Amino acid sequence: MAESVFELACARAPEGMEIAAVAAADPRRIALWSEHGEMTFAELNAAANRLVQRLRMAGLERGDAVALVCGNRNEFAVVRFATHRAGLRLTPVNWHLTPEDIRYIVENCEAKALFLDTRVADAAAGCARIAALALRVSIGGELPGYTEWHDALAGMDERDIADPALGNTMLYTSGTTGRPKGVYRALPDPRHAAHLQQLLTAVFQFDPVSGDDRALATGPLYHTGPFALCFTTPLTAGIGVVLMDHWDPERMLALIEQHRITHTFCVPTMFSRLLQLPATTRQHHDLSSLRFVIHGAAPCSIDTKQRMMDWWGPILWEMFAGTEGQGTIVSPQEWLARPGTVGRPAQGQLRILDDAGNEVPRGQTGTIYLVNPGGSAFEYFKDPQKTASALREGYFTAGDIGYLDADGYLFLNGRSAELIISGGVNIYPQEIDDVLAQHRAVADVACVGVPDEDLGEEVRAVVELRAGFAGDDAMRQSLLDFCAERLAKQKWPRSIDFIVTLPRSPAGKVLRSALRQEYWAGRSRQI
């Protein structure tokens, strides 16, 4: 295939129809590999067209919302590319959450259609009772009250739709009270969306013409990093994606070798567990195809990153960003020259402000505020108070603390005391506190993130017991069992300490930051 033919076809694709152009230019190119089989770009495009027709038959119109509760399987891609060519708003839902939290997000995002994986069958009945849902589809098998996936698409027209309209995605991030919050943006400007895709394609150095590049999606696709960086971006660029439905370090190495993976995304916990593999295992696999590895979602220690570079070579890029928007990106060469930096702003402005909102000098620590490229402002869905607290004169913050060096490179050295990032997952401790406070032995409790070489941070519950109860191993187990019955596994404390009296302010508020400080004393970084 001539390079000019392929690139010209993709460049002229209407908004949301990029994979249709890939399918037309190279229909047999494989788009997806998963435990559930392969799918070509032509098959993916045809299925997306059929699904658009099914959604329209159910009455969905431009701007309506669709919820997707699904593991890393081919159907996820079909729903994503169908909604984004039909002008719909897609919300991928964390399927690790409790059935109650899943139902909350499906209802809160105002979904009119729901696609639910049978792996979360426990959530099916509760979601089926949501009155606003005009269409309920089960993935991976049958569920009562749901139309099975293949039945839903049967008989639908697979030809490219004549009236594509660019849709968008609303991902959810943890809220300060434990309730997830949707990060909402109005339907995007097609010019900005196209520019962002071109930027990422250039940064990742994709080669869509040869068809030899492969991306490996290592994490769950409801997470911003895997969704954007090793799923949506490569597929839109015509790059095939291998989907891991459950991450395992040795399995990852085997897939890199088997599929000649060129691009992937990792969180630092993955690096730690890869480095824990026996040397014979690490040396057994041919990883020479890897050209570009991007990591983020949690801080990565200098030692861990250097050891990964020693193994994989200088191919590790780091991105400091979040669901709310882009931040900085640092190349391997820049990082090696300034170990610990997370880079300079990617395409936008960054400011470091003190508590009064004044910009601080270079080298001085403050709160990091960012501007999204292209003015793509966000709001927390149905939460104007949280939106207002995160914004300042057009800039937004997630509460991260850091400083800029003389050359404008950003270094992180703290974060708002509440947030815990464990294995790349954002956890707000108040929800865990609220559960433990219901235990009959607990007088008061404060959960904090403490250092963990593998996860970055682990959740530790510091408990003040009521009179008459002993802080022994039996009590620890009782409290852990109590959490296991009431919280998603990601939020379970991994350890429990007992304390006579929790530190409190003069007003009686527990000083979580002071408590956390005890566990981080003597460390150069507080995250």
Foldseek 3Di string as FASTA:
>chain_A
DDPCQLVVQQVPAPFLCNLVSLCVVPVQQWAEDEPVGTDGSLRLLLLLQLVLQLVVVLPDAAAAEEEEEDFFDSVVSSVVSNQFFRNYEYEYDDLLFDLVLRLVVCVLSLHQEYEHECVSLVNVVVNLPRVSHSAYEYEPDDHPNHHHPVRSSPPGGRDDDPRTDGYYYWAWAADQQRRTWTKDFHRDDSVVVVVVLVVLCVVLVDDQSVSLEEEEQQDTCSFPCSVPNRRVSQSSSNHHYYYDRHHDLLVVLVCCQVSVHAEYEFEQLSLVRNVPDDPCSLVVGDNVSHQAYEYELAFHDLVSVVVVCVSNNQRYKYFYAHSQAGAAIDGSVRCVVPPQFRHAGDQWDKFFAAPVRDGDDAPDKHFIWIAHHPNRHIATRPCNPVRVVQDDPRTGGPFWMWGAHPVRTTHTFGGPFQWDQWQSGTGGFNNVQVQLCPDPFFPGKTWGWAADNNGRTFIEIETATDPPDDPDPVVFVVSQVSCVVPTRPRNGGPYYHYDNDADADPVRHGPSNVVLCVRCPPPRGSD
